[in-house]
N, C-alpha and C. Protein backbone atom coordinates (compact mmCIF):
# COMPACT_ATOMS: atom_id res chain seq x y z
N MET A 1 185.99 135.30 -67.83
CA MET A 1 185.71 134.66 -66.84
C MET A 1 184.55 135.21 -65.72
N GLY A 2 184.01 134.36 -65.19
CA GLY A 2 182.68 134.71 -64.34
C GLY A 2 183.25 135.32 -63.14
N VAL A 3 182.54 136.08 -62.67
CA VAL A 3 182.84 136.51 -61.26
C VAL A 3 181.44 136.82 -60.24
N ALA A 4 181.66 136.50 -59.02
CA ALA A 4 180.50 136.60 -58.17
C ALA A 4 181.15 137.06 -56.74
N VAL A 5 180.46 137.74 -55.84
CA VAL A 5 180.46 137.97 -54.76
C VAL A 5 179.70 137.58 -53.70
N CYS A 6 179.77 137.36 -52.32
CA CYS A 6 178.71 137.25 -51.38
C CYS A 6 178.97 138.47 -50.28
N ASP A 7 177.89 138.21 -49.43
CA ASP A 7 177.58 139.30 -48.33
C ASP A 7 178.62 138.89 -47.33
N ALA A 8 179.00 139.51 -46.27
CA ALA A 8 179.70 139.37 -45.23
C ALA A 8 179.19 138.17 -44.48
N ARG A 9 178.00 137.92 -44.37
CA ARG A 9 177.32 136.64 -43.74
C ARG A 9 177.45 135.51 -44.39
N GLU A 10 177.90 135.69 -45.71
CA GLU A 10 178.02 134.49 -46.59
C GLU A 10 176.59 133.95 -46.87
N GLN A 11 175.66 134.67 -47.01
CA GLN A 11 174.29 134.27 -47.45
C GLN A 11 173.71 134.36 -48.60
N VAL A 12 174.18 135.35 -49.39
CA VAL A 12 173.83 135.71 -50.62
C VAL A 12 174.92 136.05 -51.50
N ALA A 13 174.80 135.15 -52.78
CA ALA A 13 175.89 135.44 -53.62
C ALA A 13 175.39 136.06 -55.19
N THR A 14 176.22 136.91 -55.50
CA THR A 14 175.71 137.97 -56.70
C THR A 14 176.71 137.77 -57.58
N ALA A 15 176.15 137.61 -58.89
CA ALA A 15 176.94 137.65 -60.01
C ALA A 15 177.25 138.99 -60.50
N LEU A 16 178.56 139.07 -60.72
CA LEU A 16 179.17 140.50 -61.40
C LEU A 16 179.48 140.25 -62.80
N GLU A 17 179.79 141.41 -63.48
CA GLU A 17 180.38 141.60 -64.66
C GLU A 17 181.47 140.42 -64.89
N ALA A 18 181.42 139.69 -66.03
CA ALA A 18 182.63 138.76 -66.33
C ALA A 18 183.83 139.53 -66.55
N ILE A 19 184.86 139.00 -66.38
CA ILE A 19 186.28 139.77 -67.00
C ILE A 19 186.78 138.88 -67.93
N ALA A 20 187.43 139.48 -69.04
CA ALA A 20 188.05 138.82 -70.16
C ALA A 20 189.31 138.16 -69.79
N PHE A 21 189.73 137.01 -70.24
CA PHE A 21 190.87 136.22 -70.13
C PHE A 21 191.72 136.83 -71.02
N ALA A 22 192.96 137.60 -70.23
CA ALA A 22 194.05 138.03 -71.10
C ALA A 22 195.14 137.69 -70.40
N GLY A 23 195.41 136.56 -69.99
CA GLY A 23 196.55 135.97 -69.56
C GLY A 23 196.26 135.76 -67.89
N PRO A 24 197.24 134.70 -67.18
CA PRO A 24 197.02 134.83 -65.67
C PRO A 24 197.40 135.97 -65.02
N GLU A 25 198.31 136.64 -65.26
CA GLU A 25 198.85 137.93 -64.68
C GLU A 25 197.78 139.10 -64.75
N ARG A 26 197.15 139.17 -65.86
CA ARG A 26 196.18 140.28 -66.11
C ARG A 26 194.94 140.02 -65.22
N VAL A 27 194.53 138.73 -65.13
CA VAL A 27 193.30 138.13 -64.47
C VAL A 27 193.55 138.40 -63.00
N ALA A 28 194.84 137.94 -62.42
CA ALA A 28 195.14 138.20 -61.06
C ALA A 28 195.13 139.84 -60.58
N GLU A 29 195.64 140.58 -61.77
CA GLU A 29 195.61 141.88 -61.51
C GLU A 29 193.99 142.55 -61.32
N GLN A 30 193.24 142.09 -62.21
CA GLN A 30 191.81 142.35 -62.09
C GLN A 30 191.24 141.78 -60.91
N VAL A 31 191.50 140.56 -60.38
CA VAL A 31 190.92 140.13 -59.44
C VAL A 31 191.49 140.72 -58.20
N ALA A 32 192.67 141.07 -58.09
CA ALA A 32 193.02 141.94 -56.95
C ALA A 32 192.29 143.25 -56.80
N SER A 33 192.05 143.88 -57.89
CA SER A 33 191.20 144.97 -57.81
C SER A 33 189.99 144.73 -57.20
N LEU A 34 189.25 143.88 -57.86
CA LEU A 34 187.93 143.28 -57.14
C LEU A 34 188.08 143.10 -55.72
N VAL A 35 189.00 142.34 -55.18
CA VAL A 35 189.24 142.06 -53.64
C VAL A 35 189.32 143.32 -52.99
N ARG A 36 190.02 144.18 -53.52
CA ARG A 36 190.17 145.50 -52.78
C ARG A 36 188.68 146.23 -52.61
N THR A 37 188.15 146.29 -54.00
CA THR A 37 186.81 147.09 -54.02
C THR A 37 185.81 146.43 -53.09
N TRP A 38 185.74 145.00 -53.19
CA TRP A 38 184.75 144.53 -52.38
C TRP A 38 184.98 143.92 -50.95
N GLU A 39 186.35 144.29 -50.56
CA GLU A 39 187.07 143.85 -49.39
C GLU A 39 186.78 142.60 -49.13
N ALA A 40 187.16 141.63 -50.03
CA ALA A 40 187.05 140.03 -50.07
C ALA A 40 187.99 139.67 -48.97
N GLU A 41 187.44 138.57 -48.41
CA GLU A 41 188.43 137.85 -47.54
C GLU A 41 189.16 136.69 -48.19
N GLY A 42 188.42 136.23 -49.30
CA GLY A 42 189.02 134.94 -50.13
C GLY A 42 188.55 135.00 -51.38
N VAL A 43 188.99 134.18 -52.21
CA VAL A 43 188.64 133.98 -53.73
C VAL A 43 188.29 132.45 -54.01
N VAL A 44 187.49 132.16 -54.64
CA VAL A 44 187.28 130.70 -54.95
C VAL A 44 187.31 130.70 -56.64
N VAL A 45 188.16 129.89 -57.01
CA VAL A 45 188.04 129.72 -58.30
C VAL A 45 187.59 128.40 -58.78
N GLY A 46 186.80 128.40 -59.90
CA GLY A 46 186.15 127.16 -60.44
C GLY A 46 187.12 126.65 -61.39
N VAL A 47 187.47 125.23 -61.29
CA VAL A 47 188.23 124.64 -62.10
C VAL A 47 187.54 123.52 -62.74
N PRO A 48 187.55 123.67 -64.29
CA PRO A 48 187.07 122.58 -65.09
C PRO A 48 187.79 121.22 -64.91
N ARG A 49 187.20 120.27 -64.86
CA ARG A 49 187.83 118.80 -64.61
C ARG A 49 187.73 117.92 -65.84
N THR A 50 188.75 117.25 -66.05
CA THR A 50 188.79 116.07 -67.03
C THR A 50 189.25 114.98 -66.45
N ARG A 51 188.98 113.89 -66.97
CA ARG A 51 189.59 112.63 -66.58
C ARG A 51 191.02 112.40 -66.19
N SER A 52 191.68 113.13 -67.39
CA SER A 52 193.25 113.06 -67.16
C SER A 52 193.56 114.16 -66.36
N GLY A 53 193.02 115.14 -66.07
CA GLY A 53 193.37 116.28 -65.14
C GLY A 53 194.34 117.22 -65.94
N LYS A 54 194.50 116.98 -67.34
CA LYS A 54 195.48 117.86 -68.19
C LYS A 54 194.78 118.61 -69.18
N GLY A 55 193.42 118.78 -69.06
CA GLY A 55 192.84 119.35 -70.44
C GLY A 55 193.30 120.71 -70.45
N PRO A 56 193.08 121.73 -71.55
CA PRO A 56 193.58 123.05 -71.56
C PRO A 56 192.86 123.83 -70.78
N GLY A 57 191.45 123.71 -70.47
CA GLY A 57 190.91 124.63 -69.45
C GLY A 57 191.57 124.49 -68.12
N GLU A 58 191.86 123.25 -67.68
CA GLU A 58 192.50 123.17 -66.55
C GLU A 58 193.76 123.72 -66.23
N ARG A 59 194.64 123.51 -67.25
CA ARG A 59 195.80 124.07 -67.26
C ARG A 59 195.86 125.64 -67.20
N ARG A 60 194.75 126.09 -67.98
CA ARG A 60 194.82 127.66 -67.87
C ARG A 60 194.34 128.21 -66.67
N VAL A 61 193.42 127.37 -65.78
CA VAL A 61 192.76 127.97 -64.75
C VAL A 61 193.96 127.60 -63.47
N ARG A 62 194.62 126.69 -63.71
CA ARG A 62 195.67 126.43 -62.80
C ARG A 62 196.83 127.47 -62.69
N SER A 63 196.87 127.99 -63.87
CA SER A 63 197.93 128.99 -64.12
C SER A 63 197.59 130.33 -63.47
N VAL A 64 195.98 130.60 -63.55
CA VAL A 64 195.36 131.73 -62.86
C VAL A 64 195.53 131.56 -61.34
N VAL A 65 195.22 130.55 -60.98
CA VAL A 65 195.35 130.27 -59.48
C VAL A 65 196.51 130.39 -59.07
N GLY A 66 197.63 130.13 -59.73
CA GLY A 66 199.16 130.26 -59.39
C GLY A 66 199.58 131.74 -59.06
N ALA A 67 198.84 132.43 -60.28
CA ALA A 67 199.15 133.98 -60.09
C ALA A 67 198.48 134.72 -59.21
N LEU A 68 197.16 134.14 -58.88
CA LEU A 68 196.24 134.68 -57.70
C LEU A 68 197.07 134.40 -56.27
N ARG A 69 197.56 133.20 -56.18
CA ARG A 69 198.13 132.93 -54.87
C ARG A 69 199.43 133.92 -54.82
N THR A 70 200.23 134.11 -55.87
CA THR A 70 201.29 134.97 -55.75
C THR A 70 200.96 136.49 -55.41
N ARG A 71 199.90 136.76 -55.92
CA ARG A 71 199.49 138.35 -55.92
C ARG A 71 198.74 138.60 -54.77
N LEU A 72 197.85 137.80 -54.25
CA LEU A 72 196.64 137.99 -53.33
C LEU A 72 197.34 137.79 -51.95
N GLN A 73 196.84 138.45 -50.98
CA GLN A 73 196.97 138.35 -49.43
C GLN A 73 195.96 137.65 -48.84
N VAL A 74 194.87 137.12 -49.84
CA VAL A 74 193.91 136.38 -49.15
C VAL A 74 193.88 134.90 -49.50
N THR A 75 193.24 134.05 -48.89
CA THR A 75 193.10 132.76 -49.35
C THR A 75 192.50 132.41 -50.95
N VAL A 76 192.97 131.64 -51.47
CA VAL A 76 192.62 131.34 -52.89
C VAL A 76 192.25 130.00 -53.02
N GLU A 77 190.95 129.58 -53.02
CA GLU A 77 190.50 128.19 -52.95
C GLU A 77 190.18 127.91 -54.23
N VAL A 78 190.02 126.38 -54.62
CA VAL A 78 189.44 125.86 -55.84
C VAL A 78 188.32 124.97 -55.50
N ALA A 79 187.54 125.16 -56.64
CA ALA A 79 186.25 124.33 -56.59
C ALA A 79 185.94 123.74 -57.79
N ASP A 80 185.48 122.69 -57.74
CA ASP A 80 184.92 122.03 -59.21
C ASP A 80 183.80 122.47 -59.87
N GLU A 81 184.03 123.10 -61.07
CA GLU A 81 183.02 123.67 -61.72
C GLU A 81 182.19 122.75 -62.73
N TRP A 82 182.13 121.58 -62.65
CA TRP A 82 181.45 120.47 -63.40
C TRP A 82 179.94 120.94 -63.34
N GLY A 83 179.45 121.06 -64.33
CA GLY A 83 177.85 121.16 -64.60
C GLY A 83 177.45 122.61 -64.25
N THR A 84 178.19 123.58 -64.13
CA THR A 84 177.77 124.95 -63.62
C THR A 84 177.24 125.72 -64.81
N THR A 85 178.05 125.42 -65.99
CA THR A 85 177.50 126.13 -67.30
C THR A 85 176.24 125.65 -67.59
N ALA A 86 175.79 124.44 -67.50
CA ALA A 86 174.73 123.97 -68.10
C ALA A 86 173.71 124.39 -66.94
N ALA A 87 173.93 124.47 -65.87
CA ALA A 87 172.98 124.93 -64.72
C ALA A 87 172.53 126.45 -65.01
N ALA A 88 173.58 127.15 -65.22
CA ALA A 88 173.27 128.66 -65.76
C ALA A 88 172.39 128.76 -66.79
N GLU A 89 172.81 128.03 -67.90
CA GLU A 89 172.02 128.13 -68.87
C GLU A 89 170.58 127.74 -68.67
N GLU A 90 170.32 126.74 -67.76
CA GLU A 90 168.86 126.32 -67.48
C GLU A 90 168.32 127.24 -66.76
N LEU A 91 168.88 128.21 -65.73
CA LEU A 91 168.48 129.05 -64.97
C LEU A 91 167.96 130.44 -66.28
N LEU A 92 169.05 130.79 -66.93
CA LEU A 92 168.54 131.92 -68.02
C LEU A 92 167.37 131.52 -68.86
N ALA A 93 167.16 130.15 -69.28
CA ALA A 93 166.16 129.83 -70.20
C ALA A 93 164.76 129.73 -69.24
N GLU A 94 164.95 129.37 -67.98
CA GLU A 94 163.64 129.51 -67.09
C GLU A 94 163.37 130.76 -66.73
N ALA A 95 164.18 131.77 -66.95
CA ALA A 95 164.01 133.26 -66.68
C ALA A 95 163.50 133.99 -67.93
N LYS A 96 163.50 133.11 -69.20
CA LYS A 96 163.05 133.68 -70.24
C LYS A 96 164.01 134.70 -70.91
N VAL A 97 165.34 134.79 -70.60
CA VAL A 97 166.60 135.87 -71.05
C VAL A 97 166.79 135.56 -72.43
N PRO A 98 166.57 136.35 -73.31
CA PRO A 98 166.93 136.04 -74.71
C PRO A 98 168.20 135.45 -75.02
N ARG A 99 168.38 134.41 -75.80
CA ARG A 99 169.50 133.54 -76.10
C ARG A 99 170.48 134.66 -76.44
N ARG A 100 170.35 135.56 -76.89
CA ARG A 100 171.51 136.57 -77.69
C ARG A 100 172.18 137.28 -76.39
N ARG A 101 171.77 137.16 -75.11
CA ARG A 101 172.22 137.72 -73.95
C ARG A 101 172.94 136.58 -73.07
N TRP A 102 172.74 135.43 -73.50
CA TRP A 102 173.32 134.19 -72.52
C TRP A 102 175.03 134.45 -72.47
N ARG A 103 175.40 134.71 -73.89
CA ARG A 103 177.05 134.67 -73.74
C ARG A 103 177.35 135.69 -72.95
N GLU A 104 176.83 136.87 -72.63
CA GLU A 104 177.50 137.94 -71.86
C GLU A 104 177.14 137.49 -70.28
N LEU A 105 176.01 136.61 -69.84
CA LEU A 105 175.65 136.27 -68.68
C LEU A 105 175.99 135.10 -67.93
N VAL A 106 176.39 134.13 -68.85
CA VAL A 106 176.39 132.74 -68.32
C VAL A 106 177.61 132.57 -67.51
N ASP A 107 178.75 132.89 -67.67
CA ASP A 107 179.86 132.76 -67.00
C ASP A 107 179.82 133.44 -65.70
N SER A 108 179.44 134.44 -65.23
CA SER A 108 179.08 135.15 -64.15
C SER A 108 178.07 134.38 -63.18
N LEU A 109 176.95 133.95 -64.09
CA LEU A 109 175.90 133.25 -63.49
C LEU A 109 176.76 131.95 -62.88
N ALA A 110 177.41 131.25 -63.72
CA ALA A 110 178.15 129.89 -63.30
C ALA A 110 178.85 130.29 -62.14
N ALA A 111 179.70 131.37 -61.91
CA ALA A 111 180.49 131.88 -60.83
C ALA A 111 179.66 131.84 -59.51
N ARG A 112 178.57 132.38 -59.92
CA ARG A 112 177.51 132.56 -58.56
C ARG A 112 177.07 131.11 -58.16
N ILE A 113 177.05 130.20 -59.06
CA ILE A 113 176.64 128.85 -58.57
C ILE A 113 177.70 128.13 -57.93
N ILE A 114 178.89 128.42 -58.45
CA ILE A 114 179.96 127.79 -57.82
C ILE A 114 180.29 128.42 -56.42
N LEU A 115 180.14 129.70 -56.33
CA LEU A 115 180.31 130.30 -54.95
C LEU A 115 179.17 129.93 -54.10
N GLU A 116 178.02 129.67 -54.52
CA GLU A 116 176.95 129.27 -53.62
C GLU A 116 177.19 127.82 -53.07
N SER A 117 177.77 126.87 -53.95
CA SER A 117 177.97 125.58 -53.64
C SER A 117 179.10 125.59 -52.66
N PHE A 118 180.03 126.31 -52.80
CA PHE A 118 181.47 126.43 -52.01
C PHE A 118 180.76 126.79 -50.63
N LEU A 119 180.00 127.97 -50.59
CA LEU A 119 179.57 128.39 -49.29
C LEU A 119 178.64 127.19 -48.65
N ALA A 120 177.90 126.63 -49.27
CA ALA A 120 176.98 125.67 -48.73
C ALA A 120 177.77 124.49 -48.09
N VAL A 121 178.64 123.92 -48.84
CA VAL A 121 179.61 122.74 -48.38
C VAL A 121 180.31 123.34 -46.91
N ARG A 122 181.02 124.59 -47.12
CA ARG A 122 181.92 125.10 -46.05
C ARG A 122 180.78 125.43 -44.78
N SER A 123 179.62 125.86 -45.04
CA SER A 123 178.55 126.08 -43.89
C SER A 123 178.20 124.80 -43.25
N ARG A 124 178.16 123.65 -43.73
CA ARG A 124 177.92 122.40 -43.25
C ARG A 124 179.19 121.92 -42.66
N GLY A 125 180.24 122.37 -42.81
CA GLY A 125 181.56 121.92 -42.23
C GLY A 125 182.14 120.98 -42.78
N ALA A 126 181.79 120.86 -44.02
CA ALA A 126 182.57 119.41 -44.71
C ALA A 126 183.85 119.89 -45.50
N GLY A 127 184.04 121.08 -45.61
CA GLY A 127 185.27 121.64 -46.31
C GLY A 127 185.49 121.00 -47.54
N GLY A 128 184.34 121.34 -48.50
CA GLY A 128 184.50 120.50 -49.59
C GLY A 128 185.42 121.17 -50.82
N ALA A 129 186.05 122.33 -50.51
CA ALA A 129 187.03 122.83 -51.61
C ALA A 129 188.44 122.42 -50.98
N SER A 130 189.48 122.27 -52.05
CA SER A 130 190.87 122.21 -51.66
C SER A 130 191.67 123.53 -51.93
N ARG A 131 192.72 123.46 -51.33
CA ARG A 131 193.67 124.35 -51.64
C ARG A 131 194.51 124.17 -52.64
């Protein structure tokens, strides 16, 4: 699962090393550690969307969101992650990153894109993500 953080002014998002999915509770534990380390004031989780709303990726991420909301004392927001993997792959190709490295980089780069989009919407006052 990709991870990104932003500066206190919410101007610059930075991709961090991805964390392995080892169940919702383990992910919540790892994210809680990151929240403490980075003194984060909130968490944004990208949710894959299908037309039915019942895809396996959606169910898995929704279970992670539930675990995060139970464990964390900060706000946990969700944002649509549609198209972010493709956008991350495009950025990697443009930067001429060797394809063999894409797997290790793509999730966190997609997380950075999700965070940047979330922050852009919020800075415009549109409130584009939902709880």
